[in-house]
Amino acid sequence: MEKLVHMSVIDVKNLTKTFKTHRKEPGLLGSIKGLFRREAFYNEAVKSVSFSLEEGELVGFLGPNGAGKTTLLKMLSGILTPTDGEVRVLGFVPWQRERAYQRQFAIVMGQKNQLWWDLPPAESFSLNRDIYQVDPKAFRRTLDEMVALLDLKEILDVPVRQLSLGQRMKCELVAALLHQPRVLFLDEPTIGLDVISQEKIRGFIQEHNRLKRTTVLLTSHYMKDVEQLCRRVLVINHGRIVYDGSLAELSERYIDHKVVKIRFAAPQAAAVLSGEAGIVELDEHHAVLKVKKKEVAQTTHRLLGLLPIEDLSVEEVEVEEVIRRIFGEEP
């Protein structure tokens, strides 16, 4: 019997992208020299990156500005051609831009618009239906589901230029998902949005991923996006993947302490605690301490016996601090 070969939805091997630029010397003389001889410089934006994603995974892709996140997404979607390496998305080579592939993925970039600025969203959605040749009944069913989930009914006939940023981003997501792609690349989908709009977008992405089993690769500077949506994260820095695993394991690897928060039952307790090691915040009402993980039980037991405490909690370090710790390290 012939063996079935398992293939990941996204499979990246040793992917590299180098950009060639030229530098001009300053002044008129430099401009004249540049006509005849230009000095070339090479920037390796992505350096031998490898990873794979399975069907239905929702993976966070983290890194500072200039780390290579957007460059990598553009290669996965076929916008850019790599300098070296191999990529298969749904079995396709993205930069060959085959029609069959383009109908199975979507990319949403938080700072780029795919909707027609002077048209209402409903007309842009109809154009996308024609472009992707979506069956009219399937289109109507999908559109109705997403309009209900994102509460868009009242703005479908309002010109896009008149919509708020949050409303536009919701419509961008709808436009990207009307053809039911199997793979979705999200580049900063909540950037610039207010807290309520961010929550709406996160909830929608989470529900869509659950219902449709869409494979999602998400970049974001908002750690709330990653904490709520992603069990697995890829961390890229200086063009290289420095971590691939769960959020919990990420904290375990890079953070050696927990946060102990105390609310005092009497104001004089602050004076007793003033000499304690690891204090981050302290006033007459509360204290925040960083405590080594192996010392948490002993320290909390001692503090409960020493101080008049109304409430005490032990919390994990926020993901933002974990990421700052990673990015503060040398490549």
Protein backbone atom coordinates (compact mmCIF):
# COMPACT_ATOMS: atom_id res chain seq x y z
CA MET A 1 0.00 0.00 0.00
CA GLU A 2 1.33 3.44 -0.91
CA LYS A 3 2.18 5.65 2.06
CA LEU A 4 0.43 9.01 2.44
CA VAL A 5 2.89 11.89 2.71
CA HIS A 6 1.92 14.53 5.26
CA MET A 7 2.40 18.10 4.07
CA SER A 8 2.15 21.21 6.24
CA VAL A 9 -0.09 24.05 5.08
CA ILE A 10 2.91 26.40 5.25
CA ASP A 11 6.42 24.97 4.94
CA VAL A 12 9.41 27.35 4.99
CA LYS A 13 13.01 26.13 4.60
CA ASN A 14 16.11 28.34 4.83
CA LEU A 15 14.26 31.38 3.50
CA THR A 16 16.49 34.39 2.87
CA LYS A 17 15.83 37.83 1.43
CA THR A 18 18.63 40.30 0.69
CA PHE A 19 17.96 43.83 -0.53
CA LYS A 20 20.57 45.63 -2.61
CA THR A 21 20.84 49.39 -2.14
CA HIS A 22 23.24 52.11 -3.26
CA ARG A 23 24.67 54.93 -1.21
CA LYS A 24 25.44 58.33 -2.68
CA GLU A 25 28.15 60.62 -1.34
CA PRO A 26 26.80 64.00 -0.18
CA GLY A 27 26.85 67.16 -2.29
CA LEU A 28 27.09 67.92 -5.99
CA LEU A 29 30.39 66.07 -6.38
CA GLY A 30 28.82 62.99 -4.84
CA SER A 31 25.91 63.20 -7.30
CA ILE A 32 28.31 63.41 -10.25
CA LYS A 33 30.35 60.46 -8.97
CA GLY A 34 27.14 58.50 -8.55
CA LEU A 35 26.47 58.77 -12.28
CA PHE A 36 29.54 56.66 -13.00
CA ARG A 37 30.16 54.58 -9.90
CA ARG A 38 27.78 53.68 -7.08
CA GLU A 39 28.74 51.80 -3.95
CA ALA A 40 26.43 48.84 -3.34
CA PHE A 41 25.22 47.76 0.10
CA TYR A 42 23.40 44.58 0.97
CA ASN A 43 20.79 44.29 3.72
CA GLU A 44 19.84 40.73 4.70
CA ALA A 45 16.28 41.33 5.94
CA VAL A 46 15.46 37.63 6.43
CA LYS A 47 18.23 35.14 7.22
CA SER A 48 17.79 31.41 6.64
CA VAL A 49 14.37 31.17 8.32
CA SER A 50 12.65 27.78 8.66
CA PHE A 51 9.29 26.83 10.18
CA SER A 52 6.01 25.10 9.33
CA LEU A 53 2.32 25.66 10.16
CA GLU A 54 -0.43 23.06 10.22
CA GLU A 55 -4.06 23.44 9.21
CA GLY A 56 -6.05 25.56 11.66
CA GLU A 57 -3.05 26.94 13.56
CA LEU A 58 -3.22 30.58 14.66
CA VAL A 59 0.37 31.63 15.21
CA GLY A 60 1.73 34.94 16.46
CA PHE A 61 4.73 36.41 14.64
CA LEU A 62 6.60 38.83 16.89
CA GLY A 63 9.57 41.12 16.43
CA PRO A 64 10.67 44.76 16.59
CA ASN A 65 10.40 47.15 13.64
CA GLY A 66 12.83 46.10 10.93
CA ALA A 67 13.13 42.52 12.22
CA GLY A 68 11.85 41.02 8.94
CA LYS A 69 8.20 40.24 9.76
CA THR A 70 6.52 42.11 6.90
CA THR A 71 9.22 41.04 4.42
CA LEU A 72 8.54 37.41 5.29
CA LEU A 73 4.77 37.82 4.96
CA LYS A 74 5.25 39.41 1.54
CA MET A 75 7.30 36.40 0.41
CA LEU A 76 4.69 33.97 1.72
CA SER A 77 1.99 35.85 -0.18
CA GLY A 78 4.04 36.12 -3.39
CA ILE A 79 4.53 39.90 -3.33
CA LEU A 80 8.31 39.44 -3.00
CA THR A 81 10.63 36.78 -4.40
CA PRO A 82 13.26 35.47 -1.96
CA THR A 83 16.98 35.52 -2.60
CA ASP A 84 17.31 31.92 -1.43
CA GLY A 85 15.37 29.13 0.25
CA GLU A 86 12.15 27.22 -0.34
CA VAL A 87 8.50 27.92 0.49
CA ARG A 88 5.36 25.91 -0.06
CA VAL A 89 1.98 27.28 0.95
CA LEU A 90 -0.83 24.79 0.29
CA GLY A 91 1.67 23.07 -2.00
CA PHE A 92 2.23 26.21 -4.11
CA VAL A 93 5.32 28.36 -4.59
CA PRO A 94 3.87 31.80 -3.71
CA TRP A 95 5.94 33.99 -6.05
CA GLN A 96 4.86 31.95 -9.06
CA ARG A 97 1.49 33.65 -8.44
CA GLU A 98 -0.65 30.85 -9.73
CA ARG A 99 -4.34 31.67 -9.89
CA ALA A 100 -5.19 28.54 -7.91
CA TYR A 101 -3.01 29.78 -5.04
CA GLN A 102 -4.27 33.35 -5.10
CA ARG A 103 -7.82 32.06 -4.58
CA GLN A 104 -6.80 30.21 -1.40
CA PHE A 105 -5.00 32.86 0.64
CA ALA A 106 -5.54 36.45 1.79
CA ILE A 107 -3.36 39.13 3.33
CA VAL A 108 -4.57 42.04 5.45
CA MET A 109 -2.11 44.82 6.26
CA GLY A 110 -3.26 47.24 8.95
CA GLN A 111 -1.76 50.27 7.19
CA LYS A 112 -2.83 49.38 3.63
CA ASN A 113 -6.29 49.64 2.07
CA GLN A 114 -7.80 47.12 -0.34
CA LEU A 115 -11.25 48.73 -0.31
CA TRP A 116 -12.20 51.35 -2.91
CA TRP A 117 -11.97 54.67 -1.08
CA ASP A 118 -14.96 56.39 -2.72
CA LEU A 119 -17.23 53.34 -2.86
CA PRO A 120 -19.28 51.86 -0.02
CA PRO A 121 -18.00 48.52 1.35
CA ALA A 122 -20.92 46.62 -0.22
CA GLU A 123 -19.68 47.51 -3.71
CA SER A 124 -16.08 46.52 -2.93
CA PHE A 125 -17.38 43.21 -1.59
CA SER A 126 -19.30 42.62 -4.85
CA LEU A 127 -16.16 43.38 -6.87
CA ASN A 128 -14.23 40.83 -4.83
CA ARG A 129 -16.98 38.27 -5.45
CA ASP A 130 -16.47 38.73 -9.20
CA ILE A 131 -12.66 38.73 -8.98
CA TYR A 132 -12.58 35.47 -7.02
CA GLN A 133 -15.57 33.99 -8.87
CA VAL A 134 -17.41 33.18 -5.65
CA ASP A 135 -20.74 31.41 -6.00
CA PRO A 136 -23.49 34.04 -5.34
CA LYS A 137 -25.26 31.91 -2.70
CA ALA A 138 -22.00 31.13 -0.87
CA PHE A 139 -21.03 34.82 -1.10
CA ARG A 140 -24.32 35.97 0.43
CA ARG A 141 -24.14 33.38 3.20
CA THR A 142 -20.54 34.27 4.10
CA LEU A 143 -21.19 38.01 3.92
CA ASP A 144 -24.26 37.78 6.16
CA GLU A 145 -22.31 35.76 8.75
CA MET A 146 -19.44 38.25 8.89
CA VAL A 147 -21.65 41.34 8.86
CA ALA A 148 -23.52 39.93 11.87
CA LEU A 149 -20.34 38.99 13.73
CA LEU A 150 -18.78 42.43 13.19
CA ASP A 151 -21.99 44.47 13.45
CA LEU A 152 -21.56 46.14 10.03
CA LYS A 153 -25.14 46.23 8.72
CA GLU A 154 -25.57 50.00 9.17
CA ILE A 155 -22.39 50.99 7.28
CA LEU A 156 -22.45 48.72 4.21
CA ASP A 157 -23.69 51.55 1.97
CA VAL A 158 -21.55 54.34 3.47
CA PRO A 159 -18.50 55.42 1.38
CA VAL A 160 -15.29 53.99 2.84
CA ARG A 161 -13.75 57.47 3.21
CA GLN A 162 -16.51 58.34 5.70
CA LEU A 163 -15.88 55.34 7.97
CA SER A 164 -13.83 55.33 11.15
CA LEU A 165 -10.53 53.44 11.25
CA GLY A 166 -12.13 50.64 13.24
CA GLN A 167 -15.03 50.31 10.81
CA ARG A 168 -12.64 50.26 7.84
CA MET A 169 -10.50 47.53 9.39
CA LYS A 170 -13.57 45.37 10.01
CA CYS A 171 -14.53 45.81 6.36
CA GLU A 172 -10.96 45.00 5.27
CA LEU A 173 -11.25 41.67 7.07
CA VAL A 174 -14.58 40.92 5.43
CA ALA A 175 -13.17 41.74 1.98
CA ALA A 176 -10.22 39.42 2.60
CA LEU A 177 -12.34 36.50 3.78
CA LEU A 178 -15.28 36.54 1.37
CA HIS A 179 -13.65 33.94 -0.87
CA GLN A 180 -13.05 31.68 2.17
CA PRO A 181 -9.24 31.45 1.97
CA ARG A 182 -7.53 28.54 3.68
CA VAL A 183 -4.57 30.72 4.70
CA LEU A 184 -4.72 34.23 6.15
CA PHE A 185 -1.77 36.57 6.74
CA LEU A 186 -2.54 39.42 9.16
CA ASP A 187 -0.03 42.25 9.46
CA GLU A 188 -0.91 44.55 12.40
CA PRO A 189 -4.71 44.19 12.00
CA THR A 190 -5.49 46.21 15.17
CA ILE A 191 -2.94 49.00 14.76
CA GLY A 192 -4.31 52.42 15.67
CA LEU A 193 -7.70 51.10 16.79
CA ASP A 194 -9.44 51.98 20.05
CA VAL A 195 -9.75 49.30 22.74
CA ILE A 196 -13.33 48.33 21.85
CA SER A 197 -12.51 47.95 18.14
CA GLN A 198 -9.44 45.89 18.99
CA GLU A 199 -11.58 43.52 21.06
CA LYS A 200 -14.11 43.20 18.23
CA ILE A 201 -11.37 42.37 15.71
CA ARG A 202 -9.75 39.82 18.03
CA GLY A 203 -13.05 38.14 18.75
CA PHE A 204 -13.86 37.92 15.06
CA ILE A 205 -10.46 36.44 14.13
CA GLN A 206 -10.74 33.90 16.95
CA GLU A 207 -14.25 32.82 15.97
CA HIS A 208 -13.44 32.65 12.25
CA ASN A 209 -10.38 30.50 12.95
CA ARG A 210 -12.44 28.18 15.16
CA LEU A 211 -15.29 27.78 12.67
CA LYS A 212 -13.36 27.63 9.38
CA ARG A 213 -10.04 26.07 10.48
CA THR A 214 -8.21 28.80 8.58
CA THR A 215 -4.44 28.80 9.10
CA VAL A 216 -3.48 32.26 10.37
CA LEU A 217 -0.08 33.95 10.74
CA LEU A 218 -0.49 37.17 12.74
CA THR A 219 2.01 39.98 13.34
CA SER A 220 1.24 42.55 16.01
CA HIS A 221 2.88 45.00 18.39
CA TYR A 222 -0.10 44.65 20.72
CA MET A 223 0.64 41.80 23.10
CA LYS A 224 -3.08 41.54 23.90
CA ASP A 225 -3.62 40.32 20.32
CA VAL A 226 -1.09 37.53 20.80
CA GLU A 227 -2.15 36.59 24.34
CA GLN A 228 -5.81 36.25 23.36
CA LEU A 229 -5.39 34.58 19.98
CA CYS A 230 -2.16 32.59 19.81
CA ARG A 231 -0.96 29.49 21.63
CA ARG A 232 2.19 29.37 19.56
CA VAL A 233 4.53 32.25 18.69
CA LEU A 234 7.46 32.77 16.36
CA VAL A 235 9.88 35.49 17.46
CA ILE A 236 12.12 37.06 14.82
CA ASN A 237 15.00 39.44 15.54
CA HIS A 238 17.63 40.74 13.12
CA GLY A 239 16.10 38.55 10.41
CA ARG A 240 16.44 35.26 12.32
CA ILE A 241 13.92 33.15 14.23
CA VAL A 242 15.06 33.26 17.86
CA TYR A 243 12.10 31.37 19.32
CA ASP A 244 9.36 29.00 18.11
CA GLY A 245 7.05 27.59 20.74
CA SER A 246 4.29 28.35 23.25
CA LEU A 247 3.80 31.64 25.08
CA ALA A 248 4.13 29.87 28.43
CA GLU A 249 7.47 28.32 27.47
CA LEU A 250 8.64 31.69 26.18
CA SER A 251 8.17 33.17 29.65
CA GLU A 252 9.88 30.18 31.26
CA ARG A 253 12.91 30.55 29.03
CA TYR A 254 13.48 34.29 29.35
CA ILE A 255 11.99 35.29 32.72
CA ASP A 256 13.22 33.96 36.07
CA HIS A 257 10.79 35.78 38.38
CA LYS A 258 7.12 36.33 39.16
CA VAL A 259 5.27 39.45 40.27
CA VAL A 260 3.89 39.58 43.81
CA LYS A 261 1.21 42.24 44.39
CA ILE A 262 0.19 43.19 47.93
CA ARG A 263 -2.59 45.41 49.27
CA PHE A 264 -1.98 46.47 52.87
CA ALA A 265 -4.59 46.29 55.62
CA ALA A 266 -2.80 49.11 57.49
CA PRO A 267 -0.66 51.98 56.10
CA GLN A 268 2.25 51.40 58.53
CA ALA A 269 3.02 48.13 56.72
CA ALA A 270 4.81 50.06 53.98
CA ALA A 271 7.53 51.15 56.39
CA VAL A 272 8.19 47.53 57.42
CA LEU A 273 8.55 46.50 53.78
CA SER A 274 10.77 49.42 52.69
CA GLY A 275 14.01 47.43 52.92
CA GLU A 276 12.71 44.38 51.07
CA ALA A 277 14.62 43.29 47.94
CA GLY A 278 12.89 43.35 44.55
CA ILE A 279 10.47 46.19 45.24
CA VAL A 280 9.06 47.72 42.04
CA GLU A 281 6.33 49.89 43.58
CA LEU A 282 5.62 50.86 47.18
CA ASP A 283 3.24 53.27 48.92
CA GLU A 284 1.09 53.18 52.05
CA HIS A 285 -1.64 51.20 50.29
CA HIS A 286 0.15 48.62 48.16
CA ALA A 287 3.42 47.09 46.99
CA VAL A 288 4.65 45.28 43.89
CA LEU A 289 7.71 43.01 44.09
CA LYS A 290 9.72 40.90 41.67
CA VAL A 291 10.47 37.55 43.30
CA LYS A 292 12.59 34.70 41.93
CA LYS A 293 10.35 31.81 40.89
CA LYS A 294 12.02 29.34 43.23
CA GLU A 295 11.59 31.76 46.16
CA VAL A 296 7.91 32.68 45.64
CA ALA A 297 6.40 30.22 48.15
CA GLN A 298 8.92 31.06 50.88
CA THR A 299 8.66 34.83 50.31
CA THR A 300 4.85 35.00 50.28
CA HIS A 301 4.64 32.85 53.42
CA ARG A 302 7.10 35.17 55.20
CA LEU A 303 5.31 38.35 54.10
CA LEU A 304 1.90 37.03 55.22
CA GLY A 305 3.33 36.42 58.68
CA LEU A 306 5.17 39.73 58.79
CA LEU A 307 2.64 42.26 57.51
CA PRO A 308 -1.04 43.19 57.93
CA ILE A 309 -2.14 42.18 54.42
CA GLU A 310 -5.61 42.60 52.98
CA ASP A 311 -4.85 40.87 49.68
CA LEU A 312 -1.87 39.15 48.03
CA SER A 313 -1.58 37.78 44.48
CA VAL A 314 1.18 36.10 42.50
CA GLU A 315 1.18 36.81 38.76
CA GLU A 316 3.21 35.81 35.74
CA VAL A 317 5.29 38.51 34.05
CA GLU A 318 3.45 40.24 31.20
CA VAL A 319 4.40 39.17 27.70
CA GLU A 320 5.62 42.71 26.90
CA GLU A 321 8.46 42.30 29.39
CA VAL A 322 9.38 38.91 27.96
CA ILE A 323 9.61 40.40 24.47
CA ARG A 324 11.64 43.37 25.72
CA ARG A 325 14.05 40.94 27.34
CA ILE A 326 14.47 39.03 24.07
CA PHE A 327 14.96 42.11 21.93
CA GLY A 328 17.47 43.51 24.40
CA GLU A 329 19.78 40.57 23.74
CA GLU A 330 22.48 40.54 21.12
CA PRO A 331 21.67 38.65 17.88
